[in-house]
Amino acid sequence: MPKSTLPTYAIVELLIRLSQYNHLIGNYKDHSIFDSGVMVKTSTGSIKLPLNIIQRQFDSPDFISESELSTLALLFKLS
């Protein structure tokens, strides 16, 4: 999936949701797409997100469980 077709606002929305579980996440800066997922750079660090979770945030955000969000928030790395 090219960067231009990935809904950036879905990444931003997902970061907002994840920040409820980890207040250190910061604001969206940029992202890069790889075969294994999407590396999102924020104002304070980075987090690797699966493409399918971004797509679910775009299509049906209510189908992302609280446990998935809390687990994803643990993947955040300060820079």
C-alpha atoms as a PDB file:
ATOM      1  CA  MET A   1       0.000   0.000   0.000  1.00  0.00           C
ATOM      2  CA  PRO A   2       1.559   3.320  -1.034  1.00  0.00           C
ATOM      3  CA  LYS A   3       1.890   6.019   1.613  1.00  0.00           C
ATOM      4  CA  SER A   4      -0.431   8.288  -0.366  1.00  0.00           C
ATOM      5  CA  THR A   5      -3.349   5.833  -0.117  1.00  0.00           C
ATOM      6  CA  LEU A   6      -3.059   5.174   3.611  1.00  0.00           C
ATOM      7  CA  PRO A   7      -5.569   7.360   5.485  1.00  0.00           C
ATOM      8  CA  THR A   8      -3.257   9.531   7.591  1.00  0.00           C
ATOM      9  CA  TYR A   9      -6.135  10.845   9.676  1.00  0.00           C
ATOM     10  CA  ALA A  10      -6.872   7.255  10.766  1.00  0.00           C
ATOM     11  CA  ILE A  11      -3.317   7.071  12.127  1.00  0.00           C
ATOM     12  CA  VAL A  12      -3.813  10.384  13.941  1.00  0.00           C
ATOM     13  CA  GLU A  13      -7.113   9.160  15.414  1.00  0.00           C
ATOM     14  CA  LEU A  14      -5.460   5.932  16.497  1.00  0.00           C
ATOM     15  CA  LEU A  15      -2.638   7.839  18.204  1.00  0.00           C
ATOM     16  CA  ILE A  16      -5.229   9.898  20.084  1.00  0.00           C
ATOM     17  CA  ARG A  17      -6.917   6.701  21.255  1.00  0.00           C
ATOM     18  CA  LEU A  18      -3.587   5.114  22.208  1.00  0.00           C
ATOM     19  CA  SER A  19      -2.578   8.182  24.212  1.00  0.00           C
ATOM     20  CA  GLN A  20      -5.370   7.300  26.658  1.00  0.00           C
ATOM     21  CA  TYR A  21      -3.219   4.293  27.604  1.00  0.00           C
ATOM     22  CA  ASN A  22       0.195   5.936  27.269  1.00  0.00           C
ATOM     23  CA  HIS A  23       0.330   9.701  27.745  1.00  0.00           C
ATOM     24  CA  LEU A  24       3.906   9.833  26.383  1.00  0.00           C
ATOM     25  CA  ILE A  25       2.899   9.000  22.800  1.00  0.00           C
ATOM     26  CA  GLY A  26       2.875  12.602  21.533  1.00  0.00           C
ATOM     27  CA  ASN A  27       1.601  14.055  18.265  1.00  0.00           C
ATOM     28  CA  TYR A  28       1.785  12.589  14.764  1.00  0.00           C
ATOM     29  CA  LYS A  29       4.789  13.702  12.692  1.00  0.00           C
ATOM     30  CA  ASP A  30       5.210  11.173   9.848  1.00  0.00           C
ATOM     31  CA  HIS A  31       4.888   7.518   8.911  1.00  0.00           C
ATOM     32  CA  SER A  32       6.606   4.917   6.732  1.00  0.00           C
ATOM     33  CA  ILE A  33       5.005   1.782   5.349  1.00  0.00           C
ATOM     34  CA  PHE A  34       6.802  -1.571   5.419  1.00  0.00           C
ATOM     35  CA  ASP A  35       5.687  -5.132   4.642  1.00  0.00           C
ATOM     36  CA  SER A  36       5.421  -5.814   8.359  1.00  0.00           C
ATOM     37  CA  GLY A  37       3.419  -2.700   9.239  1.00  0.00           C
ATOM     38  CA  VAL A  38       3.590   1.060   9.576  1.00  0.00           C
ATOM     39  CA  MET A  39       6.256   2.901  11.554  1.00  0.00           C
ATOM     40  CA  VAL A  40       4.713   6.070  12.948  1.00  0.00           C
ATOM     41  CA  LYS A  41       6.951   8.872  14.151  1.00  0.00           C
ATOM     42  CA  THR A  42       5.530  11.153  16.818  1.00  0.00           C
ATOM     43  CA  SER A  43       6.774  14.270  18.580  1.00  0.00           C
ATOM     44  CA  THR A  44       8.184  12.094  21.372  1.00  0.00           C
ATOM     45  CA  GLY A  45       9.093   8.750  19.775  1.00  0.00           C
ATOM     46  CA  SER A  46       7.776   6.056  17.476  1.00  0.00           C
ATOM     47  CA  ILE A  47       5.382   3.152  17.346  1.00  0.00           C
ATOM     48  CA  LYS A  48       5.004   0.305  14.862  1.00  0.00           C
ATOM     49  CA  LEU A  49       1.376  -0.381  13.977  1.00  0.00           C
ATOM     50  CA  PRO A  50      -0.088  -3.233  11.931  1.00  0.00           C
ATOM     51  CA  LEU A  51      -1.737  -2.101   8.686  1.00  0.00           C
ATOM     52  CA  ASN A  52      -4.916  -3.945   9.621  1.00  0.00           C
ATOM     53  CA  ILE A  53      -5.411  -1.915  12.808  1.00  0.00           C
ATOM     54  CA  ILE A  54      -5.135   1.348  10.838  1.00  0.00           C
ATOM     55  CA  GLN A  55      -7.601  -0.001   8.305  1.00  0.00           C
ATOM     56  CA  ARG A  56     -10.008  -0.968  11.102  1.00  0.00           C
ATOM     57  CA  GLN A  57      -9.661   2.514  12.597  1.00  0.00           C
ATOM     58  CA  PHE A  58     -10.640   3.865   9.176  1.00  0.00           C
ATOM     59  CA  ASP A  59     -13.506   1.418   8.489  1.00  0.00           C
ATOM     60  CA  SER A  60     -14.927   0.483  11.899  1.00  0.00           C
ATOM     61  CA  PRO A  61     -13.118   1.994  14.887  1.00  0.00           C
ATOM     62  CA  ASP A  62     -15.659   0.502  17.306  1.00  0.00           C
ATOM     63  CA  PHE A  63     -14.296  -2.946  16.442  1.00  0.00           C
ATOM     64  CA  ILE A  64     -10.913  -2.205  17.996  1.00  0.00           C
ATOM     65  CA  SER A  65     -11.096  -3.505  21.540  1.00  0.00           C
ATOM     66  CA  GLU A  66      -9.776  -1.751  24.623  1.00  0.00           C
ATOM     67  CA  SER A  67      -7.381  -4.637  25.199  1.00  0.00           C
ATOM     68  CA  GLU A  68      -5.969  -4.249  21.666  1.00  0.00           C
ATOM     69  CA  LEU A  69      -5.445  -0.535  22.265  1.00  0.00           C
ATOM     70  CA  SER A  70      -3.731  -1.040  25.616  1.00  0.00           C
ATOM     71  CA  THR A  71      -1.457  -3.718  24.117  1.00  0.00           C
ATOM     72  CA  LEU A  72      -0.557  -1.492  21.161  1.00  0.00           C
ATOM     73  CA  ALA A  73       0.217   1.438  23.479  1.00  0.00           C
ATOM     74  CA  LEU A  74       2.893  -0.717  25.120  1.00  0.00           C
ATOM     75  CA  LEU A  75       4.775  -0.821  21.785  1.00  0.00           C
ATOM     76  CA  PHE A  76       5.557   2.906  21.912  1.00  0.00           C
ATOM     77  CA  LYS A  77       9.250   3.775  22.173  1.00  0.00           C
ATOM     78  CA  LEU A  78      10.526   7.149  23.357  1.00  0.00           C
ATOM     79  CA  SER A  79      13.286   8.682  21.267  1.00  0.00           C
END
